[in-house]
PDB file of N, CA and C in Angstrom:
ATOM      1  N   GLN A   1      85.075 111.778 113.814  1.00  0.00           N
ATOM      2  CA  GLN A   1      84.975 110.482 114.104  1.00  0.00           C
ATOM      3  C   GLN A   1      83.290 110.252 113.819  1.00  0.00           C
ATOM      4  N   LEU A   2      82.484 110.971 114.056  1.00  0.00           N
ATOM      5  CA  LEU A   2      81.048 110.836 113.520  1.00  0.00           C
ATOM      6  C   LEU A   2      81.087 110.124 111.983  1.00  0.00           C
ATOM      7  N   TYR A   3      81.830 111.098 111.427  1.00  0.00           N
ATOM      8  CA  TYR A   3      81.672 111.168 109.835  1.00  0.00           C
ATOM      9  C   TYR A   3      82.463 109.545 109.550  1.00  0.00           C
ATOM     10  N   LEU A   4      83.368 109.059 110.105  1.00  0.00           N
ATOM     11  CA  LEU A   4      84.102 107.729 109.828  1.00  0.00           C
ATOM     12  C   LEU A   4      82.924 106.735 110.330  1.00  0.00           C
ATOM     13  N   SER A   5      82.537 106.872 111.453  1.00  0.00           N
ATOM     14  CA  SER A   5      81.030 105.860 111.839  1.00  0.00           C
ATOM     15  C   SER A   5      80.273 105.607 110.814  1.00  0.00           C
ATOM     16  N   LEU A   6      79.614 107.088 110.138  1.00  0.00           N
ATOM     17  CA  LEU A   6      78.681 106.934 109.029  1.00  0.00           C
ATOM     18  C   LEU A   6      79.360 105.881 107.907  1.00  0.00           C
ATOM     19  N   ARG A   7      80.369 106.273 107.669  1.00  0.00           N
ATOM     20  CA  ARG A   7      80.832 105.632 106.157  1.00  0.00           C
ATOM     21  C   ARG A   7      81.152 104.108 106.538  1.00  0.00           C
ATOM     22  N   LEU A   8      81.652 103.728 108.036  1.00  0.00           N
ATOM     23  CA  LEU A   8      81.620 102.235 107.870  1.00  0.00           C
ATOM     24  C   LEU A   8      80.396 101.521 108.408  1.00  0.00           C
ATOM     25  N   ALA A   9      79.432 102.385 108.957  1.00  0.00           N
ATOM     26  CA  ALA A   9      77.824 101.830 109.102  1.00  0.00           C
ATOM     27  C   ALA A   9      77.328 101.518 107.483  1.00  0.00           C
ATOM     28  N   MET A  10      77.756 102.266 106.659  1.00  0.00           N
ATOM     29  CA  MET A  10      77.045 102.540 105.129  1.00  0.00           C
ATOM     30  C   MET A  10      77.755 101.131 104.159  1.00  0.00           C
ATOM     31  N   LEU A  11      78.670 100.641 104.748  1.00  0.00           N
ATOM     32  CA  LEU A  11      79.526  99.847 104.193  1.00  0.00           C
ATOM     33  C   LEU A  11      78.631  98.667 103.224  1.00  0.00           C
ATOM     34  N   ASP A  12      77.967  98.005 104.047  1.00  0.00           N
ATOM     35  CA  ASP A  12      77.028  96.945 103.470  1.00  0.00           C
ATOM     36  C   ASP A  12      75.944  97.437 102.747  1.00  0.00           C
ATOM     37  N   GLU A  13      75.129  98.765 102.928  1.00  0.00           N
ATOM     38  CA  GLU A  13      74.404  99.227 102.243  1.00  0.00           C
ATOM     39  C   GLU A  13      74.493  99.739 100.878  1.00  0.00           C
ATOM     40  N   ILE A  14      75.864  99.859 100.271  1.00  0.00           N
ATOM     41  CA  ILE A  14      76.530 100.430  99.398  1.00  0.00           C
ATOM     42  C   ILE A  14      76.550  99.236  98.139  1.00  0.00           C
ATOM     43  N   SER A  15      76.979  98.126  98.649  1.00  0.00           N
ATOM     44  CA  SER A  15      77.407  96.868  97.925  1.00  0.00           C
ATOM     45  C   SER A  15      77.017  95.563  98.560  1.00  0.00           C
ATOM     46  N   ASN A  16      76.904  94.549  97.822  1.00  0.00           N
ATOM     47  CA  ASN A  16      76.820  93.149  98.498  1.00  0.00           C
ATOM     48  C   ASN A  16      78.105  92.638  98.465  1.00  0.00           C
ATOM     49  N   GLU A  17      78.995  93.105  97.641  1.00  0.00           N
ATOM     50  CA  GLU A  17      80.347  92.699  97.689  1.00  0.00           C
ATOM     51  C   GLU A  17      81.164  93.068  98.812  1.00  0.00           C
ATOM     52  N   LYS A  18      82.154  92.820  98.992  1.00  0.00           N
ATOM     53  CA  LYS A  18      83.104  93.308 100.466  1.00  0.00           C
ATOM     54  C   LYS A  18      83.952  94.307  99.774  1.00  0.00           C
ATOM     55  N   VAL A  19      83.512  95.586  99.854  1.00  0.00           N
ATOM     56  CA  VAL A  19      84.371  96.734  98.971  1.00  0.00           C
ATOM     57  C   VAL A  19      85.471  96.946  99.975  1.00  0.00           C
ATOM     58  N   PRO A  20      86.648  97.429  99.681  1.00  0.00           N
ATOM     59  CA  PRO A  20      87.980  97.819 100.468  1.00  0.00           C
ATOM     60  C   PRO A  20      87.075  99.070 101.105  1.00  0.00           C
ATOM     61  N   ILE A  21      87.968  99.400 101.963  1.00  0.00           N
ATOM     62  CA  ILE A  21      87.651 100.616 103.135  1.00  0.00           C
ATOM     63  C   ILE A  21      89.056 101.391 102.704  1.00  0.00           C
ATOM     64  N   ILE A  22      88.960 102.654 102.339  1.00  0.00           N
ATOM     65  CA  ILE A  22      90.059 103.437 101.975  1.00  0.00           C
ATOM     66  C   ILE A  22      89.785 104.790 102.652  1.00  0.00           C
ATOM     67  N   LEU A  23      90.673 104.970 103.518  1.00  0.00           N
ATOM     68  CA  LEU A  23      91.122 106.300 104.520  1.00  0.00           C
ATOM     69  C   LEU A  23      92.010 107.082 104.099  1.00  0.00           C
ATOM     70  N   ASP A  24      91.830 108.462 104.043  1.00  0.00           N
ATOM     71  CA  ASP A  24      92.875 109.301 103.606  1.00  0.00           C
ATOM     72  C   ASP A  24      92.884 110.042 104.620  1.00  0.00           C
ATOM     73  N   GLU A  25      93.909 110.207 105.580  1.00  0.00           N
ATOM     74  CA  GLU A  25      94.424 110.978 106.595  1.00  0.00           C
ATOM     75  C   GLU A  25      92.921 111.261 107.494  1.00  0.00           C
ATOM     76  N   ALA A  26      92.287 109.786 107.730  1.00  0.00           N
ATOM     77  CA  ALA A  26      91.167 109.894 108.304  1.00  0.00           C
ATOM     78  C   ALA A  26      91.258 110.287 109.860  1.00  0.00           C
ATOM     79  N   PHE A  27      92.452 109.941 110.535  1.00  0.00           N
ATOM     80  CA  PHE A  27      92.747 110.040 111.867  1.00  0.00           C
ATOM     81  C   PHE A  27      93.774 111.077 112.187  1.00  0.00           C
ATOM     82  N   ALA A  28      93.922 112.095 111.108  1.00  0.00           N
ATOM     83  CA  ALA A  28      94.613 113.310 111.486  1.00  0.00           C
ATOM     84  C   ALA A  28      94.362 113.895 113.058  1.00  0.00           C
ATOM     85  N   TYR A  29      93.106 113.818 113.360  1.00  0.00           N
ATOM     86  CA  TYR A  29      92.952 114.704 114.698  1.00  0.00           C
ATOM     87  C   TYR A  29      92.473 114.026 115.834  1.00  0.00           C
ATOM     88  N   TYR A  30      92.943 112.449 115.494  1.00  0.00           N
ATOM     89  CA  TYR A  30      92.837 111.424 116.639  1.00  0.00           C
ATOM     90  C   TYR A  30      94.200 111.434 117.614  1.00  0.00           C
ATOM     91  N   ASP A  31      93.596 111.594 119.050  1.00  0.00           N
ATOM     92  CA  ASP A  31      95.106 111.245 119.929  1.00  0.00           C
ATOM     93  C   ASP A  31      95.386 109.969 119.911  1.00  0.00           C
ATOM     94  N   ASN A  32      96.515 109.455 120.359  1.00  0.00           N
ATOM     95  CA  ASN A  32      96.885 108.205 120.247  1.00  0.00           C
ATOM     96  C   ASN A  32      96.321 106.927 120.811  1.00  0.00           C
ATOM     97  N   GLU A  33      95.373 107.233 121.846  1.00  0.00           N
ATOM     98  CA  GLU A  33      94.558 106.428 122.562  1.00  0.00           C
ATOM     99  C   GLU A  33      93.421 105.950 121.503  1.00  0.00           C
ATOM    100  N   ARG A  34      92.856 107.179 121.093  1.00  0.00           N
ATOM    101  CA  ARG A  34      91.716 106.913 119.977  1.00  0.00           C
ATOM    102  C   ARG A  34      92.125 106.353 118.807  1.00  0.00           C
ATOM    103  N   LEU A  35      93.244 106.449 118.332  1.00  0.00           N
ATOM    104  CA  LEU A  35      94.015 106.076 117.252  1.00  0.00           C
ATOM    105  C   LEU A  35      94.341 104.644 117.482  1.00  0.00           C
ATOM    106  N   LYS A  36      94.613 103.826 118.653  1.00  0.00           N
ATOM    107  CA  LYS A  36      94.740 102.803 118.940  1.00  0.00           C
ATOM    108  C   LYS A  36      93.301 101.933 119.016  1.00  0.00           C
ATOM    109  N   ASN A  37      92.630 102.742 119.542  1.00  0.00           N
ATOM    110  CA  ASN A  37      91.003 101.910 119.617  1.00  0.00           C
ATOM    111  C   ASN A  37      90.665 101.845 118.094  1.00  0.00           C
ATOM    112  N   ILE A  38      90.491 102.803 117.345  1.00  0.00           N
ATOM    113  CA  ILE A  38      89.984 102.562 116.019  1.00  0.00           C
ATOM    114  C   ILE A  38      90.731 101.690 115.170  1.00  0.00           C
ATOM    115  N   LEU A  39      92.052 101.514 115.057  1.00  0.00           N
ATOM    116  CA  LEU A  39      92.849 100.699 114.598  1.00  0.00           C
ATOM    117  C   LEU A  39      92.467  99.046 114.899  1.00  0.00           C
ATOM    118  N   ASN A  40      92.521  99.167 116.450  1.00  0.00           N
ATOM    119  CA  ASN A  40      92.174  97.810 116.944  1.00  0.00           C
ATOM    120  C   ASN A  40      90.685  97.410 116.175  1.00  0.00           C
ATOM    121  N   TYR A  41      89.636  98.080 116.607  1.00  0.00           N
ATOM    122  CA  TYR A  41      88.486  97.985 116.054  1.00  0.00           C
ATOM    123  C   TYR A  41      88.349  97.729 114.338  1.00  0.00           C
ATOM    124  N   LEU A  42      88.914  98.528 113.670  1.00  0.00           N
ATOM    125  CA  LEU A  42      88.951  98.100 112.159  1.00  0.00           C
ATOM    126  C   LEU A  42      89.445  96.762 112.113  1.00  0.00           C
ATOM    127  N   SER A  43      90.667  96.488 112.447  1.00  0.00           N
ATOM    128  CA  SER A  43      91.091  94.855 112.581  1.00  0.00           C
ATOM    129  C   SER A  43      90.244  93.766 112.915  1.00  0.00           C
ATOM    130  N   SER A  44      89.601  94.238 113.967  1.00  0.00           N
ATOM    131  CA  SER A  44      88.497  93.183 114.580  1.00  0.00           C
ATOM    132  C   SER A  44      87.424  93.044 113.624  1.00  0.00           C
ATOM    133  N   GLU A  45      86.733  93.837 113.595  1.00  0.00           N
ATOM    134  CA  GLU A  45      85.319  94.104 112.752  1.00  0.00           C
ATOM    135  C   GLU A  45      85.474  93.792 111.308  1.00  0.00           C
ATOM    136  N   PHE A  46      86.324  94.324 110.841  1.00  0.00           N
ATOM    137  CA  PHE A  46      86.556  94.472 109.365  1.00  0.00           C
ATOM    138  C   PHE A  46      87.705  93.473 108.753  1.00  0.00           C
ATOM    139  N   SER A  47      87.852  92.257 109.190  1.00  0.00           N
ATOM    140  CA  SER A  47      88.900  91.491 109.097  1.00  0.00           C
ATOM    141  C   SER A  47      88.801  90.869 107.547  1.00  0.00           C
ATOM    142  N   ASP A  48      87.401  91.110 107.077  1.00  0.00           N
ATOM    143  CA  ASP A  48      87.349  90.322 105.842  1.00  0.00           C
ATOM    144  C   ASP A  48      87.263  91.113 104.961  1.00  0.00           C
ATOM    145  N   ARG A  49      87.817  92.477 104.882  1.00  0.00           N
ATOM    146  CA  ARG A  49      88.066  93.565 103.958  1.00  0.00           C
ATOM    147  C   ARG A  49      89.206  93.862 104.103  1.00  0.00           C
ATOM    148  N   GLN A  50      89.701  94.261 102.513  1.00  0.00           N
ATOM    149  CA  GLN A  50      91.062  95.275 102.683  1.00  0.00           C
ATOM    150  C   GLN A  50      90.833  96.383 103.117  1.00  0.00           C
ATOM    151  N   ILE A  51      91.852  96.889 104.120  1.00  0.00           N
ATOM    152  CA  ILE A  51      91.911  98.060 104.436  1.00  0.00           C
ATOM    153  C   ILE A  51      93.040  99.201 104.004  1.00  0.00           C
ATOM    154  N   ILE A  52      92.680 100.444 103.272  1.00  0.00           N
ATOM    155  CA  ILE A  52      93.798 101.165 102.872  1.00  0.00           C
ATOM    156  C   ILE A  52      93.853 102.432 103.553  1.00  0.00           C
ATOM    157  N   ILE A  53      95.129 102.580 104.133  1.00  0.00           N
ATOM    158  CA  ILE A  53      95.196 103.800 104.930  1.00  0.00           C
ATOM    159  C   ILE A  53      96.402 104.727 104.367  1.00  0.00           C
ATOM    160  N   PHE A  54      96.285 105.797 103.767  1.00  0.00           N
ATOM    161  CA  PHE A  54      96.761 107.118 103.394  1.00  0.00           C
ATOM    162  C   PHE A  54      97.093 107.611 104.448  1.00  0.00           C
ATOM    163  N   THR A  55      98.306 107.952 105.141  1.00  0.00           N
ATOM    164  CA  THR A  55      98.901 108.833 105.702  1.00  0.00           C
ATOM    165  C   THR A  55     100.088 109.481 105.680  1.00  0.00           C
ATOM    166  N   CYS A  56     100.656 110.485 106.318  1.00  0.00           N
ATOM    167  CA  CYS A  56     101.772 111.193 106.351  1.00  0.00           C
ATOM    168  C   CYS A  56     102.531 110.996 107.399  1.00  0.00           C
ATOM    169  N   THR A  57     102.194 110.554 108.559  1.00  0.00           N
ATOM    170  CA  THR A  57     102.764 110.091 109.676  1.00  0.00           C
ATOM    171  C   THR A  57     103.146 108.556 109.886  1.00  0.00           C
ATOM    172  N   HIS A  58     103.805 108.376 111.052  1.00  0.00           N
ATOM    173  CA  HIS A  58     104.177 107.030 111.262  1.00  0.00           C
ATOM    174  C   HIS A  58     103.470 106.760 112.409  1.00  0.00           C
ATOM    175  N   ARG A  59     102.567 107.089 112.933  1.00  0.00           N
ATOM    176  CA  ARG A  59     101.682 106.714 114.276  1.00  0.00           C
ATOM    177  C   ARG A  59     100.919 105.563 113.864  1.00  0.00           C
ATOM    178  N   GLU A  60     100.345 105.249 112.744  1.00  0.00           N
ATOM    179  CA  GLU A  60      99.641 104.247 112.431  1.00  0.00           C
ATOM    180  C   GLU A  60     100.231 102.992 112.510  1.00  0.00           C
ATOM    181  N   LYS A  61     101.471 103.239 111.874  1.00  0.00           N
ATOM    182  CA  LYS A  61     102.400 102.349 111.508  1.00  0.00           C
ATOM    183  C   LYS A  61     103.154 101.343 113.234  1.00  0.00           C
ATOM    184  N   GLU A  62     103.519 102.370 113.836  1.00  0.00           N
ATOM    185  CA  GLU A  62     103.728 102.186 115.040  1.00  0.00           C
ATOM    186  C   GLU A  62     102.644 101.467 116.285  1.00  0.00           C
ATOM    187  N   ILE A  63     101.516 101.891 116.047  1.00  0.00           N
ATOM    188  CA  ILE A  63     100.414 101.286 116.883  1.00  0.00           C
ATOM    189  C   ILE A  63     100.073  99.759 116.412  1.00  0.00           C
ATOM    190  N   LEU A  64     100.017  99.970 115.188  1.00  0.00           N
ATOM    191  CA  LEU A  64     100.047  98.392 114.361  1.00  0.00           C
ATOM    192  C   LEU A  64     100.765  97.820 115.069  1.00  0.00           C
ATOM    193  N   GLU A  65     102.001  97.799 114.633  1.00  0.00           N
ATOM    194  CA  GLU A  65     103.349  97.193 115.320  1.00  0.00           C
ATOM    195  C   GLU A  65     103.096  96.454 116.738  1.00  0.00           C
ATOM    196  N   GLU A  66     102.482  97.485 117.563  1.00  0.00           N
ATOM    197  CA  GLU A  66     102.312  97.575 119.067  1.00  0.00           C
ATOM    198  C   GLU A  66     101.083  96.512 119.274  1.00  0.00           C
ATOM    199  N   LEU A  67     100.278  96.815 118.331  1.00  0.00           N
ATOM    200  CA  LEU A  67      99.005  95.860 118.667  1.00  0.00           C
ATOM    201  C   LEU A  67      99.351  94.364 117.947  1.00  0.00           C
ATOM    202  N   HIS A  68     100.298  94.329 117.289  1.00  0.00           N
ATOM    203  CA  HIS A  68     100.493  92.817 116.674  1.00  0.00           C
ATOM    204  C   HIS A  68      99.681  92.666 115.431  1.00  0.00           C
ATOM    205  N   ILE A  69      99.417  93.894 114.831  1.00  0.00           N
ATOM    206  CA  ILE A  69      98.212  93.589 113.551  1.00  0.00           C
ATOM    207  C   ILE A  69      99.063  93.361 112.448  1.00  0.00           C
ATOM    208  N   SER A  70      98.823  92.526 111.517  1.00  0.00           N
ATOM    209  CA  SER A  70      99.548  92.402 110.581  1.00  0.00           C
ATOM    210  C   SER A  70      99.065  93.265 109.377  1.00  0.00           C
ATOM    211  N   PHE A  71      99.823  93.955 108.407  1.00  0.00           N
ATOM    212  CA  PHE A  71      99.827  94.935 107.655  1.00  0.00           C
ATOM    213  C   PHE A  71     100.789  95.002 106.476  1.00  0.00           C
ATOM    214  N   ASN A  72     100.688  95.669 105.732  1.00  0.00           N
ATOM    215  CA  ASN A  72     101.671  95.760 104.505  1.00  0.00           C
ATOM    216  C   ASN A  72     101.873  97.349 104.398  1.00  0.00           C
ATOM    217  N   HIS A  73     103.390  97.637 104.749  1.00  0.00           N
ATOM    218  CA  HIS A  73     103.618  98.984 104.709  1.00  0.00           C
ATOM    219  C   HIS A  73     104.060  99.489 103.019  1.00  0.00           C
ATOM    220  N   ILE A  74     103.626 100.718 102.805  1.00  0.00           N
ATOM    221  CA  ILE A  74     104.202 100.868 101.232  1.00  0.00           C
ATOM    222  C   ILE A  74     104.481 102.179 101.345  1.00  0.00           C
ATOM    223  N   ILE A  75     105.905 102.638 100.954  1.00  0.00           N
ATOM    224  CA  ILE A  75     105.898 104.198 101.177  1.00  0.00           C
ATOM    225  C   ILE A  75     106.016 104.648  99.596  1.00  0.00           C
ATOM    226  N   LEU A  76     105.083 105.721  99.353  1.00  0.00           N
ATOM    227  CA  LEU A  76     104.953 106.401  98.010  1.00  0.00           C
ATOM    228  C   LEU A  76     105.851 107.246  98.057  1.00  0.00           C
TER     229      LEU A  76
END
C-alpha cells in the first residue's frame, strides 16, 4: 500500500501530460474492504486518467460492478 501511494503521488512529477496508471497485480494482498476503498479512490481522484489493471482474479471486476464504476473488461 505504501508503494502504491508513492507511485500515485509521483504521477504529476513524472510528466506534464496525464499519463495512464498501469497496475499489475497491485492489489494481490489487499483484503476486499481495502480493495473496495482503493478502487473507489482511484475512480474519484484519477477520473481524468486511464487506469489499466492487470489481474488474474475476478475481485476487481466484482467490486467495480458493485460500486457502479464504469470500466472495460478485457480477457487475454
